[in-house]
Amino acid sequence: MSSGKKAKNVGRTAKGKAKEVAGRTVGNESLEAKGRAEQMKGDAKQAVEKGKDTFRH
């Protein structure tokens, strides 16, 4: 996986976690759900990139 894509996916996951925590803190369920969705998106993209790496070697 290219380091740029990996960093972007990790960043997306971290940003999602921050949104989730912020939403939970202020009691905003919508923000919390958006944060969870963003985390899942980052994790999924990271898994796809790891799969691509597996087939490249």
N, C-alpha and C. Protein backbone atom coordinates (compact mmCIF):
# COMPACT_ATOMS: atom_id res chain seq x y z
N MET A 1 0.85 -1.16 0.00
CA MET A 1 0.00 0.00 0.00
C MET A 1 0.90 1.22 0.00
N SER A 2 0.54 2.18 -0.84
CA SER A 2 1.34 3.39 -0.83
C SER A 2 1.17 4.12 0.49
N SER A 3 2.23 4.73 0.94
CA SER A 3 2.18 5.38 2.25
C SER A 3 1.20 6.54 2.26
N GLY A 4 1.00 7.20 1.11
CA GLY A 4 0.05 8.30 1.04
C GLY A 4 -1.38 7.84 1.27
N LYS A 5 -1.74 6.74 0.63
CA LYS A 5 -3.10 6.20 0.80
C LYS A 5 -3.29 5.67 2.20
N LYS A 6 -2.25 5.03 2.73
CA LYS A 6 -2.34 4.49 4.09
C LYS A 6 -2.56 5.63 5.09
N ALA A 7 -1.81 6.70 4.94
CA ALA A 7 -1.95 7.84 5.84
C ALA A 7 -3.33 8.46 5.72
N LYS A 8 -3.82 8.55 4.51
CA LYS A 8 -5.16 9.12 4.28
C LYS A 8 -6.23 8.26 4.95
N ASN A 9 -6.11 6.95 4.83
CA ASN A 9 -7.10 6.05 5.44
C ASN A 9 -7.02 6.08 6.96
N VAL A 10 -5.82 6.12 7.49
CA VAL A 10 -5.65 6.20 8.94
C VAL A 10 -6.19 7.53 9.44
N GLY A 11 -5.93 8.58 8.69
CA GLY A 11 -6.45 9.90 9.05
C GLY A 11 -7.96 9.94 9.05
N ARG A 12 -8.58 9.29 8.05
CA ARG A 12 -10.03 9.22 7.98
C ARG A 12 -10.59 8.47 9.19
N THR A 13 -9.93 7.38 9.56
CA THR A 13 -10.37 6.61 10.72
C THR A 13 -10.26 7.43 12.00
N ALA A 14 -9.15 8.14 12.15
CA ALA A 14 -8.95 8.97 13.35
C ALA A 14 -9.95 10.12 13.40
N LYS A 15 -10.21 10.73 12.25
CA LYS A 15 -11.19 11.82 12.17
C LYS A 15 -12.58 11.30 12.55
N GLY A 16 -12.91 10.11 12.08
CA GLY A 16 -14.19 9.50 12.42
C GLY A 16 -14.31 9.23 13.91
N LYS A 17 -13.23 8.76 14.51
CA LYS A 17 -13.22 8.50 15.95
C LYS A 17 -13.43 9.79 16.73
N ALA A 18 -12.78 10.86 16.27
CA ALA A 18 -12.94 12.15 16.94
C ALA A 18 -14.38 12.65 16.84
N LYS A 19 -14.99 12.47 15.67
CA LYS A 19 -16.39 12.89 15.50
C LYS A 19 -17.31 12.07 16.41
N GLU A 20 -17.04 10.76 16.47
CA GLU A 20 -17.86 9.89 17.31
C GLU A 20 -17.79 10.32 18.77
N VAL A 21 -16.59 10.57 19.26
CA VAL A 21 -16.40 10.97 20.65
C VAL A 21 -17.04 12.33 20.91
N ALA A 22 -16.86 13.26 19.97
CA ALA A 22 -17.47 14.58 20.13
C ALA A 22 -18.99 14.48 20.16
N GLY A 23 -19.54 13.67 19.29
CA GLY A 23 -20.99 13.47 19.26
C GLY A 23 -21.51 12.86 20.54
N ARG A 24 -20.77 11.89 21.07
CA ARG A 24 -21.17 11.25 22.32
C ARG A 24 -21.09 12.25 23.48
N THR A 25 -20.05 13.08 23.46
CA THR A 25 -19.85 14.05 24.54
C THR A 25 -20.97 15.08 24.60
N VAL A 26 -21.38 15.60 23.45
CA VAL A 26 -22.42 16.63 23.42
C VAL A 26 -23.82 16.05 23.27
N GLY A 27 -23.93 14.75 23.10
CA GLY A 27 -25.23 14.10 22.99
C GLY A 27 -25.84 14.22 21.61
N ASN A 28 -25.02 14.40 20.59
CA ASN A 28 -25.48 14.53 19.22
C ASN A 28 -25.36 13.17 18.53
N GLU A 29 -26.47 12.46 18.43
CA GLU A 29 -26.45 11.11 17.87
C GLU A 29 -26.08 11.11 16.39
N SER A 30 -26.47 12.15 15.68
CA SER A 30 -26.16 12.24 14.26
C SER A 30 -24.65 12.34 14.04
N LEU A 31 -24.00 13.19 14.79
CA LEU A 31 -22.54 13.35 14.68
C LEU A 31 -21.84 12.06 15.07
N GLU A 32 -22.35 11.41 16.08
CA GLU A 32 -21.78 10.13 16.53
C GLU A 32 -21.88 9.08 15.42
N ALA A 33 -23.03 9.01 14.77
CA ALA A 33 -23.24 8.05 13.69
C ALA A 33 -22.35 8.37 12.49
N LYS A 34 -22.21 9.65 12.17
CA LYS A 34 -21.33 10.04 11.07
C LYS A 34 -19.89 9.65 11.36
N GLY A 35 -19.49 9.80 12.61
CA GLY A 35 -18.14 9.41 13.00
C GLY A 35 -17.91 7.92 12.85
N ARG A 36 -18.87 7.13 13.27
CA ARG A 36 -18.75 5.66 13.12
C ARG A 36 -18.68 5.29 11.65
N ALA A 37 -19.51 5.94 10.82
CA ALA A 37 -19.51 5.64 9.39
C ALA A 37 -18.17 6.00 8.76
N GLU A 38 -17.61 7.12 9.15
CA GLU A 38 -16.32 7.54 8.60
C GLU A 38 -15.21 6.57 9.02
N GLN A 39 -15.28 6.06 10.24
CA GLN A 39 -14.30 5.07 10.69
C GLN A 39 -14.40 3.81 9.86
N MET A 40 -15.62 3.35 9.63
CA MET A 40 -15.81 2.12 8.85
C MET A 40 -15.32 2.31 7.42
N LYS A 41 -15.55 3.49 6.85
CA LYS A 41 -15.09 3.77 5.50
C LYS A 41 -13.57 3.72 5.42
N GLY A 42 -12.91 4.33 6.40
CA GLY A 42 -11.44 4.30 6.44
C GLY A 42 -10.91 2.90 6.62
N ASP A 43 -11.54 2.13 7.50
CA ASP A 43 -11.10 0.74 7.72
C ASP A 43 -11.31 -0.11 6.47
N ALA A 44 -12.43 0.09 5.79
CA ALA A 44 -12.71 -0.69 4.58
C ALA A 44 -11.71 -0.37 3.48
N LYS A 45 -11.42 0.90 3.29
CA LYS A 45 -10.45 1.29 2.25
C LYS A 45 -9.07 0.74 2.59
N GLN A 46 -8.73 0.72 3.86
CA GLN A 46 -7.44 0.19 4.27
C GLN A 46 -7.38 -1.31 3.99
N ALA A 47 -8.47 -2.01 4.23
CA ALA A 47 -8.51 -3.45 3.97
C ALA A 47 -8.37 -3.74 2.48
N VAL A 48 -9.01 -2.93 1.65
CA VAL A 48 -8.90 -3.09 0.20
C VAL A 48 -7.46 -2.90 -0.24
N GLU A 49 -6.80 -1.88 0.27
CA GLU A 49 -5.41 -1.63 -0.09
C GLU A 49 -4.50 -2.77 0.36
N LYS A 50 -4.76 -3.32 1.54
CA LYS A 50 -3.96 -4.44 2.02
C LYS A 50 -4.16 -5.66 1.12
N GLY A 51 -5.40 -5.86 0.67
CA GLY A 51 -5.69 -6.96 -0.25
C GLY A 51 -4.96 -6.79 -1.57
N LYS A 52 -4.91 -5.57 -2.06
CA LYS A 52 -4.17 -5.31 -3.30
C LYS A 52 -2.69 -5.63 -3.10
N ASP A 53 -2.14 -5.24 -1.96
CA ASP A 53 -0.74 -5.51 -1.68
C ASP A 53 -0.45 -7.00 -1.65
N THR A 54 -1.38 -7.76 -1.13
CA THR A 54 -1.22 -9.21 -1.03
C THR A 54 -1.06 -9.82 -2.42
N PHE A 55 -1.86 -9.35 -3.38
CA PHE A 55 -1.80 -9.91 -4.71
C PHE A 55 -0.64 -9.38 -5.55
N ARG A 56 -0.06 -8.27 -5.13
CA ARG A 56 1.08 -7.72 -5.86
C ARG A 56 2.37 -8.50 -5.59
N HIS A 57 2.44 -9.14 -4.45
CA HIS A 57 3.70 -9.82 -4.07
C HIS A 57 3.68 -11.25 -4.44
